[in-house]
C-alpha cells in the first residue's frame, strides 16, 4: 500500500504538468440555434448575450478537443500556479516519489538503490537549480519566499493557499495517474503470486 501511495502521488504530480484531458463531447445548446435567436437588447450587451444563451434550443452533443488547452490559458499572468504552488521542482519530486514507491516494493538491494537515487537527484538538483536562479535573478526574493523547494513547504507555511491548488487541479489527469499506479500495484501482486506458486510446486 505504501508503494502504491508513493507512486500514485508522484504520478499525480507528473499529471499536473500537462493540460487536462476532457470528454471529447459536451452537452449544451447548439451553436446554430444560439446564432438564430432574436435580440431584444442591443446585440453587444451582456443582457442580450445571457438571454440568448438561456433561450437557446435545442440542446445536443457538441464535439470538442479532448485536451483542455484553456486550462493553461486560465493560469497565464499568475506568478505561481499549478504544481509550482506545491514545489518549485514538480518534475524532480514526482520522479523521486515514483522511485521511492518502486524501492519500497522491491526486495532486491540493487532495485532499492536505483529507486532511491531520484530522491537524491531531487533534493540536490533542486537546491542547485534554486541557487543558480538566485544568482541569475530568475528566482527573485519575493518568488523564493512564496514558494518552496520541498513539496508542500509553502502550503504548510501559509505562503500558498490550498484552495488555489484545488481550483487549478487537473482532476481528470489525477484520476488517470492513480489508475496507472493501481495497474503497477496489481502487476506487482500478480508477479508475487506467480512466484509464490512456483516456490510451492
C-alpha atoms as a PDB file:
ATOM      1  CA  UNK A   1       0.000   0.000   0.000  1.00  0.00           C
ATOM      2  CA  UNK A   2       2.878   2.368   0.763  1.00  0.00           C
ATOM      3  CA  UNK A   3       4.440   1.718  -2.634  1.00  0.00           C
ATOM      4  CA  UNK A   4       1.112   2.384  -4.339  1.00  0.00           C
ATOM      5  CA  UNK A   5       0.610   5.624  -2.374  1.00  0.00           C
ATOM      6  CA  UNK A   6       4.069   6.999  -3.198  1.00  0.00           C
ATOM      7  CA  UNK A   7       3.848   6.099  -6.871  1.00  0.00           C
ATOM      8  CA  UNK A   8       0.324   7.473  -7.114  1.00  0.00           C
ATOM      9  CA  UNK A   9       1.417  10.761  -5.533  1.00  0.00           C
ATOM     10  CA  UNK A  10       4.394  11.031  -7.866  1.00  0.00           C
ATOM     11  CA  UNK A  11       2.347  10.234 -10.972  1.00  0.00           C
ATOM     12  CA  UNK A  12      -0.334  12.717  -9.906  1.00  0.00           C
ATOM     13  CA  UNK A  13       2.416  15.332  -9.700  1.00  0.00           C
ATOM     14  CA  UNK A  14       3.531  14.455 -13.221  1.00  0.00           C
ATOM     15  CA  UNK A  15      -0.064  14.641 -14.438  1.00  0.00           C
ATOM     16  CA  UNK A  16      -0.385  18.262 -13.353  1.00  0.00           C
ATOM     17  CA  UNK A  17       2.409  19.317 -15.707  1.00  0.00           C
ATOM     18  CA  UNK A  18       0.313  18.751 -18.849  1.00  0.00           C
ATOM     19  CA  UNK A  19      -3.057  20.161 -19.955  1.00  0.00           C
ATOM     20  CA  UNK A  20      -6.056  18.254 -18.556  1.00  0.00           C
ATOM     21  CA  UNK A  21      -7.841  15.668 -20.626  1.00  0.00           C
ATOM     22  CA  UNK A  22     -11.592  16.055 -21.007  1.00  0.00           C
ATOM     23  CA  UNK A  23     -14.523  14.303 -22.626  1.00  0.00           C
ATOM     24  CA  UNK A  24     -14.381  14.792 -26.420  1.00  0.00           C
ATOM     25  CA  UNK A  25     -18.072  15.717 -26.413  1.00  0.00           C
ATOM     26  CA  UNK A  26     -20.123  18.140 -24.331  1.00  0.00           C
ATOM     27  CA  UNK A  27     -23.852  18.538 -23.830  1.00  0.00           C
ATOM     28  CA  UNK A  28     -25.184  22.022 -24.439  1.00  0.00           C
ATOM     29  CA  UNK A  29     -27.013  24.421 -26.766  1.00  0.00           C
ATOM     30  CA  UNK A  30     -26.460  24.074 -30.477  1.00  0.00           C
ATOM     31  CA  UNK A  31     -24.222  26.892 -31.797  1.00  0.00           C
ATOM     32  CA  UNK A  32     -26.556  27.310 -34.747  1.00  0.00           C
ATOM     33  CA  UNK A  33     -29.594  27.761 -32.520  1.00  0.00           C
ATOM     34  CA  UNK A  34     -27.751  30.383 -30.477  1.00  0.00           C
ATOM     35  CA  UNK A  35     -26.926  32.355 -33.603  1.00  0.00           C
ATOM     36  CA  UNK A  36     -30.562  32.277 -34.730  1.00  0.00           C
ATOM     37  CA  UNK A  37     -32.011  33.742 -31.522  1.00  0.00           C
ATOM     38  CA  UNK A  38     -33.502  37.267 -31.922  1.00  0.00           C
ATOM     39  CA  UNK A  39     -32.033  40.110 -29.891  1.00  0.00           C
ATOM     40  CA  UNK A  40     -34.374  42.071 -27.644  1.00  0.00           C
ATOM     41  CA  UNK A  41     -31.473  44.106 -26.285  1.00  0.00           C
ATOM     42  CA  UNK A  42     -28.529  45.738 -28.023  1.00  0.00           C
ATOM     43  CA  UNK A  43     -26.671  42.850 -29.721  1.00  0.00           C
ATOM     44  CA  UNK A  44     -23.392  43.620 -27.984  1.00  0.00           C
ATOM     45  CA  UNK A  45     -24.801  43.878 -24.450  1.00  0.00           C
ATOM     46  CA  UNK A  46     -24.264  41.293 -21.732  1.00  0.00           C
ATOM     47  CA  UNK A  47     -28.020  41.148 -21.115  1.00  0.00           C
ATOM     48  CA  UNK A  48     -28.599  40.134 -24.728  1.00  0.00           C
ATOM     49  CA  UNK A  49     -25.871  37.507 -24.573  1.00  0.00           C
ATOM     50  CA  UNK A  50     -27.260  35.997 -21.338  1.00  0.00           C
ATOM     51  CA  UNK A  51     -30.808  35.954 -22.674  1.00  0.00           C
ATOM     52  CA  UNK A  52     -29.708  34.378 -25.928  1.00  0.00           C
ATOM     53  CA  UNK A  53     -27.803  31.578 -24.201  1.00  0.00           C
ATOM     54  CA  UNK A  54     -30.650  30.917 -21.761  1.00  0.00           C
ATOM     55  CA  UNK A  55     -33.198  30.611 -24.572  1.00  0.00           C
ATOM     56  CA  UNK A  56     -31.006  28.607 -26.927  1.00  0.00           C
ATOM     57  CA  UNK A  57     -32.596  25.352 -28.097  1.00  0.00           C
ATOM     58  CA  UNK A  58     -32.292  22.558 -28.895  1.00  0.00           C
ATOM     59  CA  UNK A  59     -29.701  21.016 -26.618  1.00  0.00           C
ATOM     60  CA  UNK A  60     -27.349  18.445 -28.082  1.00  0.00           C
ATOM     61  CA  UNK A  61     -23.912  16.853 -28.096  1.00  0.00           C
ATOM     62  CA  UNK A  62     -21.090  19.072 -29.293  1.00  0.00           C
ATOM     63  CA  UNK A  63     -17.650  17.797 -30.335  1.00  0.00           C
ATOM     64  CA  UNK A  64     -14.677  19.396 -28.604  1.00  0.00           C
ATOM     65  CA  UNK A  65     -10.945  18.872 -28.231  1.00  0.00           C
ATOM     66  CA  UNK A  66     -10.059  16.059 -25.778  1.00  0.00           C
ATOM     67  CA  UNK A  67      -7.297  18.280 -24.371  1.00  0.00           C
ATOM     68  CA  UNK A  68      -8.363  21.315 -22.340  1.00  0.00           C
ATOM     69  CA  UNK A  69      -5.827  23.885 -23.547  1.00  0.00           C
ATOM     70  CA  UNK A  70      -7.915  26.640 -21.938  1.00  0.00           C
ATOM     71  CA  UNK A  71      -6.755  25.347 -18.548  1.00  0.00           C
ATOM     72  CA  UNK A  72      -3.222  26.633 -19.210  1.00  0.00           C
ATOM     73  CA  UNK A  73      -4.506  29.910 -20.612  1.00  0.00           C
ATOM     74  CA  UNK A  74      -6.547  30.496 -17.457  1.00  0.00           C
ATOM     75  CA  UNK A  75      -3.310  30.381 -15.454  1.00  0.00           C
ATOM     76  CA  UNK A  76      -1.482  32.898 -17.624  1.00  0.00           C
ATOM     77  CA  UNK A  77      -0.460  36.027 -15.774  1.00  0.00           C
ATOM     78  CA  UNK A  78      -0.123  34.255 -12.417  1.00  0.00           C
ATOM     79  CA  UNK A  79       3.322  34.393 -10.895  1.00  0.00           C
ATOM     80  CA  UNK A  80       2.790  30.992  -9.260  1.00  0.00           C
ATOM     81  CA  UNK A  81       0.253  28.454 -10.477  1.00  0.00           C
ATOM     82  CA  UNK A  82      -0.485  24.742 -10.661  1.00  0.00           C
ATOM     83  CA  UNK A  83       2.096  22.318  -9.248  1.00  0.00           C
ATOM     84  CA  UNK A  84       4.550  25.178  -8.623  1.00  0.00           C
ATOM     85  CA  UNK A  85       2.366  26.024  -5.615  1.00  0.00           C
ATOM     86  CA  UNK A  86       3.423  22.665  -4.141  1.00  0.00           C
ATOM     87  CA  UNK A  87       7.104  22.734  -5.093  1.00  0.00           C
ATOM     88  CA  UNK A  88       9.358  24.725  -7.388  1.00  0.00           C
ATOM     89  CA  UNK A  89      10.509  21.414  -8.895  1.00  0.00           C
ATOM     90  CA  UNK A  90       7.434  19.249  -9.504  1.00  0.00           C
ATOM     91  CA  UNK A  91       9.117  17.063 -12.125  1.00  0.00           C
ATOM     92  CA  UNK A  92      12.086  16.181  -9.899  1.00  0.00           C
ATOM     93  CA  UNK A  93       9.936  15.423  -6.868  1.00  0.00           C
ATOM     94  CA  UNK A  94       7.425  13.457  -8.938  1.00  0.00           C
ATOM     95  CA  UNK A  95      10.279  11.285 -10.174  1.00  0.00           C
ATOM     96  CA  UNK A  96      11.573  10.923  -6.602  1.00  0.00           C
ATOM     97  CA  UNK A  97       8.203   9.710  -5.295  1.00  0.00           C
ATOM     98  CA  UNK A  98       7.762   7.213  -8.115  1.00  0.00           C
ATOM     99  CA  UNK A  99      11.278   5.930  -7.457  1.00  0.00           C
ATOM    100  CA  UNK A 100      10.648   5.606  -3.717  1.00  0.00           C
ATOM    101  CA  UNK A 101       7.494   3.635  -4.412  1.00  0.00           C
ATOM    102  CA  UNK A 102       9.441   1.261  -6.639  1.00  0.00           C
ATOM    103  CA  UNK A 103      12.147   0.890  -4.000  1.00  0.00           C
ATOM    104  CA  UNK A 104       9.596   0.142  -1.278  1.00  0.00           C
ATOM    105  CA  UNK A 105       8.028  -2.608  -3.383  1.00  0.00           C
ATOM    106  CA  UNK A 106      11.281  -4.352  -4.303  1.00  0.00           C
ATOM    107  CA  UNK A 107      13.121  -6.979  -2.221  1.00  0.00           C
ATOM    108  CA  UNK A 108      16.334  -6.524  -4.230  1.00  0.00           C
ATOM    109  CA  UNK A 109      19.030  -4.209  -2.890  1.00  0.00           C
ATOM    110  CA  UNK A 110      20.041  -3.084  -6.373  1.00  0.00           C
ATOM    111  CA  UNK A 111      16.476  -2.062  -7.251  1.00  0.00           C
ATOM    112  CA  UNK A 112      16.093  -0.304  -3.899  1.00  0.00           C
ATOM    113  CA  UNK A 113      19.287   1.684  -4.541  1.00  0.00           C
ATOM    114  CA  UNK A 114      18.128   2.527  -8.061  1.00  0.00           C
ATOM    115  CA  UNK A 115      14.727   3.653  -6.766  1.00  0.00           C
ATOM    116  CA  UNK A 116      16.231   5.896  -4.080  1.00  0.00           C
ATOM    117  CA  UNK A 117      18.590   7.697  -6.478  1.00  0.00           C
ATOM    118  CA  UNK A 118      15.898  10.073  -7.855  1.00  0.00           C
ATOM    119  CA  UNK A 119      15.304  11.311  -4.290  1.00  0.00           C
ATOM    120  CA  UNK A 120      18.922  12.456  -4.053  1.00  0.00           C
ATOM    121  CA  UNK A 121      18.622  13.997  -7.500  1.00  0.00           C
ATOM    122  CA  UNK A 122      15.507  15.918  -6.471  1.00  0.00           C
ATOM    123  CA  UNK A 123      16.988  17.174  -3.199  1.00  0.00           C
ATOM    124  CA  UNK A 124      20.427  18.114  -4.527  1.00  0.00           C
ATOM    125  CA  UNK A 125      19.464  19.017  -8.093  1.00  0.00           C
ATOM    126  CA  UNK A 126      16.547  21.157  -6.980  1.00  0.00           C
ATOM    127  CA  UNK A 127      18.686  23.032  -4.469  1.00  0.00           C
ATOM    128  CA  UNK A 128      21.318  23.603  -7.157  1.00  0.00           C
ATOM    129  CA  UNK A 129      18.702  24.988  -9.556  1.00  0.00           C
ATOM    130  CA  UNK A 130      17.464  27.310  -6.822  1.00  0.00           C
ATOM    131  CA  UNK A 131      20.999  28.536  -6.163  1.00  0.00           C
ATOM    132  CA  UNK A 132      21.533  29.282  -9.837  1.00  0.00           C
ATOM    133  CA  UNK A 133      18.158  31.003 -10.010  1.00  0.00           C
ATOM    134  CA  UNK A 134      19.003  33.272  -7.088  1.00  0.00           C
ATOM    135  CA  UNK A 135      22.321  34.195  -8.644  1.00  0.00           C
ATOM    136  CA  UNK A 136      20.826  34.905 -12.069  1.00  0.00           C
ATOM    137  CA  UNK A 137      17.805  36.733 -10.687  1.00  0.00           C
ATOM    138  CA  UNK A 138      15.206  34.391 -12.193  1.00  0.00           C
ATOM    139  CA  UNK A 139      14.320  33.247  -8.661  1.00  0.00           C
ATOM    140  CA  UNK A 140      13.562  36.606  -7.085  1.00  0.00           C
ATOM    141  CA  UNK A 141      13.413  37.039  -3.285  1.00  0.00           C
ATOM    142  CA  UNK A 142       9.639  37.526  -3.496  1.00  0.00           C
ATOM    143  CA  UNK A 143       9.139  34.352  -5.533  1.00  0.00           C
ATOM    144  CA  UNK A 144      11.560  32.470  -3.304  1.00  0.00           C
ATOM    145  CA  UNK A 145       9.579  33.483  -0.229  1.00  0.00           C
ATOM    146  CA  UNK A 146       6.192  32.390  -1.559  1.00  0.00           C
ATOM    147  CA  UNK A 147       7.303  29.019  -2.981  1.00  0.00           C
ATOM    148  CA  UNK A 148       9.310  26.089  -1.652  1.00  0.00           C
ATOM    149  CA  UNK A 149      11.826  23.520  -2.770  1.00  0.00           C
ATOM    150  CA  UNK A 150      10.443  20.789  -0.522  1.00  0.00           C
ATOM    151  CA  UNK A 151       6.935  19.637  -1.518  1.00  0.00           C
ATOM    152  CA  UNK A 152       4.080  21.325   0.377  1.00  0.00           C
ATOM    153  CA  UNK A 153       6.506  23.599   2.254  1.00  0.00           C
ATOM    154  CA  UNK A 154       4.935  26.864   1.062  1.00  0.00           C
ATOM    155  CA  UNK A 155       1.434  25.499   1.663  1.00  0.00           C
ATOM    156  CA  UNK A 156       2.216  24.439   5.232  1.00  0.00           C
ATOM    157  CA  UNK A 157       3.881  27.808   5.862  1.00  0.00           C
ATOM    158  CA  UNK A 158       0.802  29.645   4.626  1.00  0.00           C
ATOM    159  CA  UNK A 159       2.590  31.232   1.654  1.00  0.00           C
ATOM    160  CA  UNK A 160       0.249  29.424  -0.761  1.00  0.00           C
ATOM    161  CA  UNK A 161      -3.437  28.614  -0.369  1.00  0.00           C
ATOM    162  CA  UNK A 162      -4.840  25.098  -0.532  1.00  0.00           C
ATOM    163  CA  UNK A 163      -7.971  26.487  -2.175  1.00  0.00           C
ATOM    164  CA  UNK A 164      -5.873  27.743  -5.116  1.00  0.00           C
ATOM    165  CA  UNK A 165      -4.342  24.300  -5.542  1.00  0.00           C
ATOM    166  CA  UNK A 166      -7.806  22.735  -5.593  1.00  0.00           C
ATOM    167  CA  UNK A 167      -9.122  25.303  -8.093  1.00  0.00           C
ATOM    168  CA  UNK A 168      -6.222  24.724 -10.505  1.00  0.00           C
ATOM    169  CA  UNK A 169      -6.028  20.962 -10.018  1.00  0.00           C
ATOM    170  CA  UNK A 170      -6.456  18.787 -13.121  1.00  0.00           C
ATOM    171  CA  UNK A 171      -8.717  16.124 -11.611  1.00  0.00           C
ATOM    172  CA  UNK A 172      -9.089  14.075 -14.788  1.00  0.00           C
ATOM    173  CA  UNK A 173      -5.308  13.781 -15.141  1.00  0.00           C
ATOM    174  CA  UNK A 174      -5.005  12.797 -11.486  1.00  0.00           C
ATOM    175  CA  UNK A 175      -7.588  10.047 -11.916  1.00  0.00           C
ATOM    176  CA  UNK A 176      -5.621   8.589 -14.830  1.00  0.00           C
ATOM    177  CA  UNK A 177      -2.396   8.806 -12.804  1.00  0.00           C
ATOM    178  CA  UNK A 178      -3.931   6.936  -9.860  1.00  0.00           C
ATOM    179  CA  UNK A 179      -5.285   4.286 -12.244  1.00  0.00           C
ATOM    180  CA  UNK A 180      -1.790   3.791 -13.683  1.00  0.00           C
ATOM    181  CA  UNK A 181      -0.350   3.447 -10.176  1.00  0.00           C
ATOM    182  CA  UNK A 182      -3.071   0.892  -9.425  1.00  0.00           C
ATOM    183  CA  UNK A 183      -2.060  -1.028 -12.547  1.00  0.00           C
ATOM    184  CA  UNK A 184       1.528  -1.127 -11.327  1.00  0.00           C
ATOM    185  CA  UNK A 185       0.358  -2.399  -7.938  1.00  0.00           C
ATOM    186  CA  UNK A 186      -1.771  -5.147  -9.490  1.00  0.00           C
ATOM    187  CA  UNK A 187       1.115  -6.189 -11.694  1.00  0.00           C
ATOM    188  CA  UNK A 188       3.405  -6.478  -8.664  1.00  0.00           C
ATOM    189  CA  UNK A 189       0.808  -8.501  -6.793  1.00  0.00           C
ATOM    190  CA  UNK A 190       0.354 -10.818  -9.752  1.00  0.00           C
ATOM    191  CA  UNK A 191       4.104 -11.331 -10.076  1.00  0.00           C
ATOM    192  CA  UNK A 192       4.387 -12.076  -6.346  1.00  0.00           C
ATOM    193  CA  UNK A 193       1.538 -14.594  -6.511  1.00  0.00           C
ATOM    194  CA  UNK A 194       3.109 -16.292  -9.518  1.00  0.00           C
ATOM    195  CA  UNK A 195       6.459 -16.523  -7.725  1.00  0.00           C
ATOM    196  CA  UNK A 196       4.774 -17.991  -4.637  1.00  0.00           C
ATOM    197  CA  UNK A 197       3.040 -20.644  -6.729  1.00  0.00           C
ATOM    198  CA  UNK A 198       6.372 -21.524  -8.325  1.00  0.00           C
ATOM    199  CA  UNK A 199       8.012 -21.983  -4.928  1.00  0.00           C
ATOM    200  CA  UNK A 200       5.231 -24.200  -3.609  1.00  0.00           C
ATOM    201  CA  UNK A 201       5.428 -26.631  -6.533  1.00  0.00           C
END
